[in-house]
Protein backbone atom coordinates (compact mmCIF):
# COMPACT_ATOMS: atom_id res chain seq x y z
CA MET A 1 4.39 1.68 -20.55
CA ASN A 2 3.90 2.86 -16.99
CA PRO A 3 6.70 1.57 -14.69
CA ASP A 4 4.13 0.96 -11.95
CA GLU A 5 2.50 -1.65 -14.17
CA LEU A 6 5.67 -3.74 -13.93
CA ASP A 7 5.32 -4.21 -10.16
CA PRO A 8 4.00 -7.67 -9.35
CA ARG A 9 0.51 -7.71 -7.86
CA PRO A 10 0.27 -9.64 -4.60
CA ALA A 11 -2.12 -12.56 -4.62
CA LYS A 12 -5.34 -11.81 -2.81
CA SER A 13 -5.74 -13.79 0.37
CA LYS A 14 -8.98 -15.09 1.76
CA PRO A 15 -10.59 -12.59 4.16
CA LYS A 16 -10.28 -13.44 7.84
CA ASP A 17 -13.31 -14.70 9.72
CA LEU A 18 -13.93 -11.63 11.84
CA GLU A 19 -16.73 -13.31 13.79
CA ALA A 20 -14.29 -15.83 15.23
CA MET A 21 -11.93 -13.10 16.50
CA SER A 22 -12.05 -11.57 19.97
CA ILE A 23 -12.46 -7.83 20.48
CA GLU A 24 -8.76 -7.58 21.38
CA ALA A 25 -7.74 -9.57 18.31
CA LEU A 26 -9.93 -7.35 16.13
CA GLY A 27 -8.22 -4.27 17.59
CA ASP A 28 -4.82 -5.77 16.84
CA TYR A 29 -5.95 -6.65 13.32
CA ILE A 30 -7.13 -3.09 12.71
CA ALA A 31 -3.78 -1.74 13.95
CA GLU A 32 -1.94 -4.06 11.54
CA LEU A 33 -4.12 -2.94 8.64
CA GLU A 34 -3.65 0.74 9.50
CA ALA A 35 0.14 0.26 9.63
CA GLU A 36 0.04 -1.41 6.21
CA ILE A 37 -2.08 1.44 4.81
CA ALA A 38 0.43 3.98 6.15
CA ARG A 39 3.28 2.02 4.54
CA ALA A 40 1.45 1.95 1.21
CA ARG A 41 0.77 5.70 1.38
CA GLU A 42 4.45 6.41 2.10
CA THR A 43 5.44 4.34 -0.92
CA ILE A 44 2.93 6.19 -3.10
CA GLY A 45 4.39 9.50 -1.89
CA ARG A 46 7.94 8.42 -2.76
CA LYS A 47 6.87 7.22 -6.20
CA GLN A 48 4.97 10.44 -6.89
CA SER A 49 8.01 12.46 -5.85
CA ALA A 50 10.26 10.43 -8.12
CA ARG A 51 7.81 10.84 -10.98
CA SER A 52 7.61 14.61 -10.44
CA THR A 53 11.39 14.85 -10.44
CA ALA A 54 11.65 12.82 -13.64
CA ASP A 55 8.89 14.85 -15.28
CA SER A 56 10.65 18.11 -14.44
CA VAL A 57 13.93 16.83 -15.89
CA PHE A 58 12.47 15.49 -19.13
CA ARG A 59 10.02 18.32 -19.80
CA ARG A 60 12.68 21.00 -20.13
């Protein structure tokens, strides 16, 4: 079993009504999403590094 499959999946939230948001609010929303994407990519990098380390140890 893949350890990543054990991580709980967050519940999907209802998409925001973008039409009701101002241009400034949309810019802020985009910045929040980009920060969350960066955080997810950092986590993926750490997990890939840990996996590579484990693979190198157990494949000897």
